[in-house]
């Protein structure tokens, strides 16, 4: 597989993570939400990075400031396609 194909695959994963819907928690303070994303890669490390960064990117793109670090929810093998991980990031709107 060429490097170009790997780059395209990673770009597709980033695009997929950006489309994941956000999930809000009932116990979260007003103006705060938890955002979820999925990422995949050839191994667990790559999939983890893609999922965590995807959750952060979604929160920031919607105008939220991420509080703390993104948290890994789970990872599972997708067979010959590598690994898929899910992560979440907690973000709050800034008071103006």
PDB file of N, CA and C in Angstrom:
ATOM      1  N   UNK A   1       0.850  -1.167   0.000  1.00  0.00           N
ATOM      2  CA  UNK A   1       0.000   0.000   0.000  1.00  0.00           C
ATOM      3  C   UNK A   1       0.894   1.228   0.000  1.00  0.00           C
ATOM      4  N   UNK A   2       0.572   2.192  -0.798  1.00  0.00           N
ATOM      5  CA  UNK A   2       1.400   3.393  -0.892  1.00  0.00           C
ATOM      6  C   UNK A   2       1.074   4.361   0.229  1.00  0.00           C
ATOM      7  N   UNK A   3       1.960   5.313   0.451  1.00  0.00           N
ATOM      8  CA  UNK A   3       1.758   6.320   1.488  1.00  0.00           C
ATOM      9  C   UNK A   3       0.541   7.177   1.155  1.00  0.00           C
ATOM     10  N   UNK A   4       0.302   7.430  -0.116  1.00  0.00           N
ATOM     11  CA  UNK A   4      -0.850   8.225  -0.539  1.00  0.00           C
ATOM     12  C   UNK A   4      -2.148   7.557  -0.104  1.00  0.00           C
ATOM     13  N   UNK A   5      -2.244   6.255  -0.265  1.00  0.00           N
ATOM     14  CA  UNK A   5      -3.448   5.528   0.138  1.00  0.00           C
ATOM     15  C   UNK A   5      -3.641   5.613   1.645  1.00  0.00           C
ATOM     16  N   UNK A   6      -2.568   5.516   2.427  1.00  0.00           N
ATOM     17  CA  UNK A   6      -2.669   5.615   3.880  1.00  0.00           C
ATOM     18  C   UNK A   6      -3.142   7.007   4.273  1.00  0.00           C
ATOM     19  N   UNK A   7      -2.627   8.039   3.612  1.00  0.00           N
ATOM     20  CA  UNK A   7      -3.029   9.409   3.911  1.00  0.00           C
ATOM     21  C   UNK A   7      -4.500   9.620   3.610  1.00  0.00           C
ATOM     22  N   UNK A   8      -4.963   9.069   2.518  1.00  0.00           N
ATOM     23  CA  UNK A   8      -6.378   9.198   2.163  1.00  0.00           C
ATOM     24  C   UNK A   8      -7.246   8.491   3.187  1.00  0.00           C
ATOM     25  N   UNK A   9      -6.782   7.324   3.662  1.00  0.00           N
ATOM     26  CA  UNK A   9      -7.541   6.582   4.669  1.00  0.00           C
ATOM     27  C   UNK A   9      -7.647   7.369   5.965  1.00  0.00           C
ATOM     28  N   UNK A  10      -6.560   7.987   6.391  1.00  0.00           N
ATOM     29  CA  UNK A  10      -6.581   8.785   7.606  1.00  0.00           C
ATOM     30  C   UNK A  10      -7.457  10.007   7.439  1.00  0.00           C
ATOM     31  N   UNK A  11      -7.429  10.628   6.273  1.00  0.00           N
ATOM     32  CA  UNK A  11      -8.274  11.788   6.008  1.00  0.00           C
ATOM     33  C   UNK A  11      -9.749  11.390   6.081  1.00  0.00           C
ATOM     34  N   UNK A  12     -10.077  10.213   5.594  1.00  0.00           N
ATOM     35  CA  UNK A  12     -11.456   9.738   5.650  1.00  0.00           C
ATOM     36  C   UNK A  12     -11.900   9.520   7.093  1.00  0.00           C
ATOM     37  N   UNK A  13     -11.000   9.029   7.934  1.00  0.00           N
ATOM     38  CA  UNK A  13     -11.328   8.812   9.340  1.00  0.00           C
ATOM     39  C   UNK A  13     -11.584  10.145  10.034  1.00  0.00           C
ATOM     40  N   UNK A  14     -10.751  11.137   9.756  1.00  0.00           N
ATOM     41  CA  UNK A  14     -10.932  12.457  10.356  1.00  0.00           C
ATOM     42  C   UNK A  14     -12.273  13.034   9.925  1.00  0.00           C
ATOM     43  N   UNK A  15     -12.614  12.892   8.662  1.00  0.00           N
ATOM     44  CA  UNK A  15     -13.893  13.397   8.164  1.00  0.00           C
ATOM     45  C   UNK A  15     -15.054  12.682   8.852  1.00  0.00           C
ATOM     46  N   UNK A  16     -14.930  11.374   9.047  1.00  0.00           N
ATOM     47  CA  UNK A  16     -15.972  10.599   9.716  1.00  0.00           C
ATOM     48  C   UNK A  16     -16.139  11.065  11.162  1.00  0.00           C
ATOM     49  N   UNK A  17     -15.021  11.264  11.861  1.00  0.00           N
ATOM     50  CA  UNK A  17     -15.076  11.704  13.262  1.00  0.00           C
ATOM     51  C   UNK A  17     -15.747  13.066  13.383  1.00  0.00           C
ATOM     52  N   UNK A  18     -15.540  13.929  12.419  1.00  0.00           N
ATOM     53  CA  UNK A  18     -16.136  15.263  12.461  1.00  0.00           C
ATOM     54  C   UNK A  18     -17.652  15.213  12.299  1.00  0.00           C
ATOM     55  N   UNK A  19     -18.168  14.143  11.740  1.00  0.00           N
ATOM     56  CA  UNK A  19     -19.603  14.030  11.518  1.00  0.00           C
ATOM     57  C   UNK A  19     -20.345  13.358  12.670  1.00  0.00           C
ATOM     58  N   UNK A  20     -19.611  12.836  13.652  1.00  0.00           N
ATOM     59  CA  UNK A  20     -20.247  12.154  14.776  1.00  0.00           C
ATOM     60  C   UNK A  20     -21.074  13.162  15.578  1.00  0.00           C
ATOM     61  N   UNK A  21     -22.273  12.789  16.009  1.00  0.00           N
ATOM     62  CA  UNK A  21     -23.098  13.718  16.780  1.00  0.00           C
ATOM     63  C   UNK A  21     -22.581  13.896  18.201  1.00  0.00           C
ATOM     64  N   UNK A  22     -22.924  15.034  18.802  1.00  0.00           N
ATOM     65  CA  UNK A  22     -22.530  15.270  20.190  1.00  0.00           C
ATOM     66  C   UNK A  22     -23.596  14.690  21.113  1.00  0.00           C
ATOM     67  N   UNK A  23     -23.175  14.386  22.323  1.00  0.00           N
ATOM     68  CA  UNK A  23     -24.066  13.827  23.323  1.00  0.00           C
ATOM     69  C   UNK A  23     -23.984  14.707  24.559  1.00  0.00           C
ATOM     70  N   UNK A  24     -25.120  15.135  25.072  1.00  0.00           N
ATOM     71  CA  UNK A  24     -25.088  15.963  26.281  1.00  0.00           C
ATOM     72  C   UNK A  24     -25.465  15.116  27.493  1.00  0.00           C
ATOM     73  N   UNK A  25     -24.866  15.422  28.633  1.00  0.00           N
ATOM     74  CA  UNK A  25     -25.164  14.723  29.877  1.00  0.00           C
ATOM     75  C   UNK A  25     -26.164  15.536  30.678  1.00  0.00           C
ATOM     76  N   UNK A  26     -27.138  14.875  31.288  1.00  0.00           N
ATOM     77  CA  UNK A  26     -28.138  15.561  32.092  1.00  0.00           C
ATOM     78  C   UNK A  26     -27.509  16.196  33.327  1.00  0.00           C
ATOM     79  N   UNK A  27     -26.434  15.597  33.869  1.00  0.00           N
ATOM     80  CA  UNK A  27     -25.813  16.098  35.090  1.00  0.00           C
ATOM     81  C   UNK A  27     -24.811  17.222  34.819  1.00  0.00           C
ATOM     82  N   UNK A  28     -24.538  17.515  33.565  1.00  0.00           N
ATOM     83  CA  UNK A  28     -23.549  18.544  33.226  1.00  0.00           C
ATOM     84  C   UNK A  28     -24.101  19.931  33.531  1.00  0.00           C
ATOM     85  N   UNK A  29     -23.234  20.842  33.991  1.00  0.00           N
ATOM     86  CA  UNK A  29     -23.688  22.214  34.249  1.00  0.00           C
ATOM     87  C   UNK A  29     -24.188  22.863  32.961  1.00  0.00           C
ATOM     88  N   UNK A  30     -24.994  23.902  33.114  1.00  0.00           N
ATOM     89  CA  UNK A  30     -25.536  24.614  31.973  1.00  0.00           C
ATOM     90  C   UNK A  30     -24.399  25.131  31.087  1.00  0.00           C
ATOM     91  N   UNK A  31     -24.527  24.963  29.787  1.00  0.00           N
ATOM     92  CA  UNK A  31     -23.513  25.440  28.864  1.00  0.00           C
ATOM     93  C   UNK A  31     -22.382  24.459  28.622  1.00  0.00           C
ATOM     94  N   UNK A  32     -22.455  23.266  29.218  1.00  0.00           N
ATOM     95  CA  UNK A  32     -21.407  22.252  29.023  1.00  0.00           C
ATOM     96  C   UNK A  32     -21.997  21.012  28.358  1.00  0.00           C
ATOM     97  N   UNK A  33     -21.203  20.362  27.535  1.00  0.00           N
ATOM     98  CA  UNK A  33     -21.621  19.144  26.839  1.00  0.00           C
ATOM     99  C   UNK A  33     -20.442  18.189  26.742  1.00  0.00           C
ATOM    100  N   UNK A  34     -20.766  16.930  26.510  1.00  0.00           N
ATOM    101  CA  UNK A  34     -19.753  15.933  26.224  1.00  0.00           C
ATOM    102  C   UNK A  34     -19.885  15.559  24.757  1.00  0.00           C
ATOM    103  N   UNK A  35     -18.777  15.618  24.037  1.00  0.00           N
ATOM    104  CA  UNK A  35     -18.752  15.330  22.607  1.00  0.00           C
ATOM    105  C   UNK A  35     -18.057  13.993  22.374  1.00  0.00           C
ATOM    106  N   UNK A  36     -18.614  13.185  21.483  1.00  0.00           N
ATOM    107  CA  UNK A  36     -18.056  11.868  21.199  1.00  0.00           C
ATOM    108  C   UNK A  36     -17.581  11.778  19.758  1.00  0.00           C
ATOM    109  N   UNK A  37     -16.581  10.943  19.544  1.00  0.00           N
ATOM    110  CA  UNK A  37     -16.067  10.718  18.187  1.00  0.00           C
ATOM    111  C   UNK A  37     -15.499   9.310  18.090  1.00  0.00           C
ATOM    112  N   UNK A  38     -15.416   8.814  16.888  1.00  0.00           N
ATOM    113  CA  UNK A  38     -14.799   7.517  16.623  1.00  0.00           C
ATOM    114  C   UNK A  38     -13.609   7.730  15.706  1.00  0.00           C
ATOM    115  N   UNK A  39     -12.590   6.919  15.879  1.00  0.00           N
ATOM    116  CA  UNK A  39     -11.414   6.978  15.017  1.00  0.00           C
ATOM    117  C   UNK A  39     -10.918   5.583  14.739  1.00  0.00           C
ATOM    118  N   UNK A  40     -10.344   5.378  13.585  1.00  0.00           N
ATOM    119  CA  UNK A  40      -9.813   4.051  13.267  1.00  0.00           C
ATOM    120  C   UNK A  40      -8.397   4.189  12.743  1.00  0.00           C
ATOM    121  N   UNK A  41      -7.673   3.103  12.829  1.00  0.00           N
ATOM    122  CA  UNK A  41      -6.300   3.097  12.359  1.00  0.00           C
ATOM    123  C   UNK A  41      -5.772   1.692  12.234  1.00  0.00           C
ATOM    124  N   UNK A  42      -4.550   1.596  11.773  1.00  0.00           N
ATOM    125  CA  UNK A  42      -3.933   0.289  11.574  1.00  0.00           C
ATOM    126  C   UNK A  42      -3.647  -0.421  12.881  1.00  0.00           C
ATOM    127  N   UNK A  43      -3.476   0.348  13.975  1.00  0.00           N
ATOM    128  CA  UNK A  43      -3.251  -0.263  15.284  1.00  0.00           C
ATOM    129  C   UNK A  43      -3.984   0.543  16.353  1.00  0.00           C
ATOM    130  N   UNK A  44      -3.927   0.061  17.602  1.00  0.00           N
ATOM    131  CA  UNK A  44      -4.643   0.682  18.706  1.00  0.00           C
ATOM    132  C   UNK A  44      -4.173   2.109  18.968  1.00  0.00           C
ATOM    133  N   UNK A  45      -2.882   2.358  18.861  1.00  0.00           N
ATOM    134  CA  UNK A  45      -2.333   3.696  19.140  1.00  0.00           C
ATOM    135  C   UNK A  45      -2.871   4.741  18.173  1.00  0.00           C
ATOM    136  N   UNK A  46      -2.872   4.425  16.899  1.00  0.00           N
ATOM    137  CA  UNK A  46      -3.362   5.370  15.889  1.00  0.00           C
ATOM    138  C   UNK A  46      -4.857   5.615  16.065  1.00  0.00           C
ATOM    139  N   UNK A  47      -5.615   4.564  16.290  1.00  0.00           N
ATOM    140  CA  UNK A  47      -7.062   4.701  16.461  1.00  0.00           C
ATOM    141  C   UNK A  47      -7.392   5.534  17.696  1.00  0.00           C
ATOM    142  N   UNK A  48      -6.620   5.372  18.769  1.00  0.00           N
ATOM    143  CA  UNK A  48      -6.834   6.148  19.994  1.00  0.00           C
ATOM    144  C   UNK A  48      -6.600   7.631  19.740  1.00  0.00           C
ATOM    145  N   UNK A  49      -5.500   7.965  19.085  1.00  0.00           N
ATOM    146  CA  UNK A  49      -5.190   9.363  18.778  1.00  0.00           C
ATOM    147  C   UNK A  49      -6.279   9.968  17.896  1.00  0.00           C
ATOM    148  N   UNK A  50      -6.705   9.240  16.882  1.00  0.00           N
ATOM    149  CA  UNK A  50      -7.723   9.749  15.964  1.00  0.00           C
ATOM    150  C   UNK A  50      -9.048  10.007  16.698  1.00  0.00           C
ATOM    151  N   UNK A  51      -9.450   9.104  17.580  1.00  0.00           N
ATOM    152  CA  UNK A  51     -10.712   9.269  18.301  1.00  0.00           C
ATOM    153  C   UNK A  51     -10.645  10.437  19.279  1.00  0.00           C
ATOM    154  N   UNK A  52      -9.570  10.515  20.055  1.00  0.00           N
ATOM    155  CA  UNK A  52      -9.440  11.601  21.037  1.00  0.00           C
ATOM    156  C   UNK A  52      -9.385  12.968  20.350  1.00  0.00           C
ATOM    157  N   UNK A  53      -8.579  13.070  19.307  1.00  0.00           N
ATOM    158  CA  UNK A  53      -8.463  14.357  18.620  1.00  0.00           C
ATOM    159  C   UNK A  53      -9.752  14.718  17.905  1.00  0.00           C
ATOM    160  N   UNK A  54     -10.464  13.715  17.407  1.00  0.00           N
ATOM    161  CA  UNK A  54     -11.758  13.967  16.767  1.00  0.00           C
ATOM    162  C   UNK A  54     -12.754  14.561  17.743  1.00  0.00           C
ATOM    163  N   UNK A  55     -12.808  14.046  18.970  1.00  0.00           N
ATOM    164  CA  UNK A  55     -13.727  14.576  19.980  1.00  0.00           C
ATOM    165  C   UNK A  55     -13.365  16.017  20.336  1.00  0.00           C
ATOM    166  N   UNK A  56     -12.079  16.299  20.461  1.00  0.00           N
ATOM    167  CA  UNK A  56     -11.622  17.665  20.754  1.00  0.00           C
ATOM    168  C   UNK A  56     -11.985  18.607  19.606  1.00  0.00           C
ATOM    169  N   UNK A  57     -11.732  18.165  18.381  1.00  0.00           N
ATOM    170  CA  UNK A  57     -12.022  18.995  17.203  1.00  0.00           C
ATOM    171  C   UNK A  57     -13.511  19.328  17.091  1.00  0.00           C
ATOM    172  N   UNK A  58     -14.369  18.359  17.374  1.00  0.00           N
ATOM    173  CA  UNK A  58     -15.813  18.591  17.287  1.00  0.00           C
ATOM    174  C   UNK A  58     -16.231  19.638  18.313  1.00  0.00           C
ATOM    175  N   UNK A  59     -15.750  19.498  19.545  1.00  0.00           N
ATOM    176  CA  UNK A  59     -16.102  20.457  20.601  1.00  0.00           C
ATOM    177  C   UNK A  59     -15.645  21.863  20.229  1.00  0.00           C
ATOM    178  N   UNK A  60     -14.407  21.993  19.800  1.00  0.00           N
ATOM    179  CA  UNK A  60     -13.868  23.311  19.461  1.00  0.00           C
ATOM    180  C   UNK A  60     -14.555  23.910  18.241  1.00  0.00           C
ATOM    181  N   UNK A  61     -14.904  23.085  17.268  1.00  0.00           N
ATOM    182  CA  UNK A  61     -15.580  23.576  16.062  1.00  0.00           C
ATOM    183  C   UNK A  61     -16.973  24.125  16.386  1.00  0.00           C
ATOM    184  N   UNK A  62     -17.564  23.643  17.459  1.00  0.00           N
ATOM    185  CA  UNK A  62     -18.900  24.106  17.857  1.00  0.00           C
ATOM    186  C   UNK A  62     -18.832  25.229  18.895  1.00  0.00           C
ATOM    187  N   UNK A  63     -17.628  25.754  19.143  1.00  0.00           N
ATOM    188  CA  UNK A  63     -17.483  26.907  20.022  1.00  0.00           C
ATOM    189  C   UNK A  63     -17.330  26.599  21.493  1.00  0.00           C
ATOM    190  N   UNK A  64     -16.973  25.368  21.844  1.00  0.00           N
ATOM    191  CA  UNK A  64     -16.787  24.980  23.242  1.00  0.00           C
ATOM    192  C   UNK A  64     -15.298  24.911  23.570  1.00  0.00           C
ATOM    193  N   UNK A  65     -14.955  25.244  24.799  1.00  0.00           N
ATOM    194  CA  UNK A  65     -13.583  25.098  25.273  1.00  0.00           C
ATOM    195  C   UNK A  65     -13.497  23.755  25.978  1.00  0.00           C
ATOM    196  N   UNK A  66     -12.575  22.919  25.546  1.00  0.00           N
ATOM    197  CA  UNK A  66     -12.433  21.574  26.117  1.00  0.00           C
ATOM    198  C   UNK A  66     -11.855  21.682  27.522  1.00  0.00           C
ATOM    199  N   UNK A  67     -12.483  20.985  28.457  1.00  0.00           N
ATOM    200  CA  UNK A  67     -12.056  20.953  29.852  1.00  0.00           C
ATOM    201  C   UNK A  67     -11.319  19.636  30.105  1.00  0.00           C
ATOM    202  N   UNK A  68     -10.045  19.711  30.437  1.00  0.00           N
ATOM    203  CA  UNK A  68      -9.271  18.489  30.676  1.00  0.00           C
ATOM    204  C   UNK A  68      -8.890  17.807  29.380  1.00  0.00           C
ATOM    205  N   UNK A  69      -8.590  16.532  29.480  1.00  0.00           N
ATOM    206  CA  UNK A  69      -8.181  15.745  28.318  1.00  0.00           C
ATOM    207  C   UNK A  69      -9.348  14.918  27.797  1.00  0.00           C
ATOM    208  N   UNK A  70      -9.274  14.559  26.539  1.00  0.00           N
ATOM    209  CA  UNK A  70     -10.260  13.644  25.960  1.00  0.00           C
ATOM    210  C   UNK A  70     -10.056  12.270  26.590  1.00  0.00           C
ATOM    211  N   UNK A  71     -11.146  11.553  26.776  1.00  0.00           N
ATOM    212  CA  UNK A  71     -11.087  10.249  27.435  1.00  0.00           C
ATOM    213  C   UNK A  71     -11.440   9.138  26.442  1.00  0.00           C
ATOM    214  N   UNK A  72     -10.658   8.087  26.490  1.00  0.00           N
ATOM    215  CA  UNK A  72     -10.910   6.920  25.652  1.00  0.00           C
ATOM    216  C   UNK A  72     -12.064   6.125  26.252  1.00  0.00           C
ATOM    217  N   UNK A  73     -13.057   5.799  25.430  1.00  0.00           N
ATOM    218  CA  UNK A  73     -14.206   5.023  25.897  1.00  0.00           C
ATOM    219  C   UNK A  73     -13.961   3.542  25.673  1.00  0.00           C
ATOM    220  N   UNK A  74     -13.641   3.172  24.428  1.00  0.00           N
ATOM    221  CA  UNK A  74     -13.407   1.763  24.119  1.00  0.00           C
ATOM    222  C   UNK A  74     -12.694   1.619  22.782  1.00  0.00           C
ATOM    223  N   UNK A  75     -12.105   0.463  22.575  1.00  0.00           N
ATOM    224  CA  UNK A  75     -11.480   0.113  21.294  1.00  0.00           C
ATOM    225  C   UNK A  75     -11.871  -1.316  20.951  1.00  0.00           C
ATOM    226  N   UNK A  76     -12.016  -1.578  19.662  1.00  0.00           N
ATOM    227  CA  UNK A  76     -12.311  -2.939  19.222  1.00  0.00           C
ATOM    228  C   UNK A  76     -11.638  -3.189  17.879  1.00  0.00           C
ATOM    229  N   UNK A  77     -11.280  -4.433  17.676  1.00  0.00           N
ATOM    230  CA  UNK A  77     -10.640  -4.827  16.428  1.00  0.00           C
ATOM    231  C   UNK A  77     -11.682  -4.881  15.327  1.00  0.00           C
ATOM    232  N   UNK A  78     -11.304  -4.379  14.150  1.00  0.00           N
ATOM    233  CA  UNK A  78     -12.210  -4.445  13.004  1.00  0.00           C
ATOM    234  C   UNK A  78     -11.682  -5.428  11.970  1.00  0.00           C
ATOM    235  N   UNK A  79     -10.933  -6.410  12.453  1.00  0.00           N
ATOM    236  CA  UNK A  79     -10.398  -7.447  11.573  1.00  0.00           C
ATOM    237  C   UNK A  79      -9.260  -6.936  10.718  1.00  0.00           C
ATOM    238  N   UNK A  80      -9.340  -7.175   9.424  1.00  0.00           N
ATOM    239  CA  UNK A  80      -8.249  -6.782   8.532  1.00  0.00           C
ATOM    240  C   UNK A  80      -8.149  -5.276   8.357  1.00  0.00           C
ATOM    241  N   UNK A  81      -9.159  -4.534   8.823  1.00  0.00           N
ATOM    242  CA  UNK A  81      -9.158  -3.083   8.665  1.00  0.00           C
ATOM    243  C   UNK A  81      -8.513  -2.362   9.842  1.00  0.00           C
ATOM    244  N   UNK A  82      -8.040  -3.062  10.846  1.00  0.00           N
ATOM    245  CA  UNK A  82      -7.356  -2.444  11.973  1.00  0.00           C
ATOM    246  C   UNK A  82      -8.206  -2.381  13.215  1.00  0.00           C
ATOM    247  N   UNK A  83      -8.201  -1.215  13.854  1.00  0.00           N
ATOM    248  CA  UNK A  83      -8.875  -1.011  15.138  1.00  0.00           C
ATOM    249  C   UNK A  83      -9.742   0.241  15.074  1.00  0.00           C
ATOM    250  N   UNK A  84     -10.880   0.200  15.757  1.00  0.00           N
ATOM    251  CA  UNK A  84     -11.729   1.384  15.880  1.00  0.00           C
ATOM    252  C   UNK A  84     -11.874   1.717  17.362  1.00  0.00           C
ATOM    253  N   UNK A  85     -11.684   2.993  17.695  1.00  0.00           N
ATOM    254  CA  UNK A  85     -11.814   3.455  19.082  1.00  0.00           C
ATOM    255  C   UNK A  85     -12.858   4.558  19.166  1.00  0.00           C
ATOM    256  N   UNK A  86     -13.442   4.681  20.346  1.00  0.00           N
ATOM    257  CA  UNK A  86     -14.405   5.750  20.634  1.00  0.00           C
ATOM    258  C   UNK A  86     -13.860   6.557  21.798  1.00  0.00           C
ATOM    259  N   UNK A  87     -14.010   7.884  21.733  1.00  0.00           N
ATOM    260  CA  UNK A  87     -13.520   8.763  22.781  1.00  0.00           C
ATOM    261  C   UNK A  87     -14.509   9.895  23.005  1.00  0.00           C
ATOM    262  N   UNK A  88     -14.357  10.580  24.138  1.00  0.00           N
ATOM    263  CA  UNK A  88     -15.213  11.727  24.426  1.00  0.00           C
ATOM    264  C   UNK A  88     -14.379  12.862  25.002  1.00  0.00           C
ATOM    265  N   UNK A  89     -14.880  14.079  24.831  1.00  0.00           N
ATOM    266  CA  UNK A  89     -14.246  15.270  25.387  1.00  0.00           C
ATOM    267  C   UNK A  89     -15.347  16.145  25.977  1.00  0.00           C
ATOM    268  N   UNK A  90     -15.096  16.700  27.152  1.00  0.00           N
ATOM    269  CA  UNK A  90     -16.058  17.551  27.838  1.00  0.00           C
ATOM    270  C   UNK A  90     -15.703  19.007  27.558  1.00  0.00           C
ATOM    271  N   UNK A  91     -16.682  19.766  27.075  1.00  0.00           N
ATOM    272  CA  UNK A  91     -16.438  21.174  26.754  1.00  0.00           C
ATOM    273  C   UNK A  91     -17.523  22.081  27.293  1.00  0.00           C
ATOM    274  N   UNK A  92     -17.136  23.326  27.599  1.00  0.00           N
ATOM    275  CA  UNK A  92     -18.086  24.320  28.114  1.00  0.00           C
ATOM    276  C   UNK A  92     -17.986  25.594  27.278  1.00  0.00           C
ATOM    277  N   UNK A  93     -19.117  26.298  27.161  1.00  0.00           N
ATOM    278  CA  UNK A  93     -19.123  27.590  26.476  1.00  0.00           C
ATOM    279  C   UNK A  93     -18.518  28.628  27.415  1.00  0.00           C
ATOM    280  N   UNK A  94     -17.760  29.547  26.857  1.00  0.00           N
ATOM    281  CA  UNK A  94     -17.170  30.616  27.660  1.00  0.00           C
ATOM    282  C   UNK A  94     -18.218  31.678  27.924  1.00  0.00           C
ATOM    283  N   UNK A  95     -18.215  32.215  29.145  1.00  0.00           N
ATOM    284  CA  UNK A  95     -19.133  33.299  29.480  1.00  0.00           C
ATOM    285  C   UNK A  95     -18.606  34.584  28.841  1.00  0.00           C
ATOM    286  N   UNK A  96     -19.470  35.320  28.168  1.00  0.00           N
ATOM    287  CA  UNK A  96     -19.013  36.530  27.467  1.00  0.00           C
ATOM    288  C   UNK A  96     -19.198  37.727  28.332  1.00  0.00           C
TER     289      UNK A  96
END
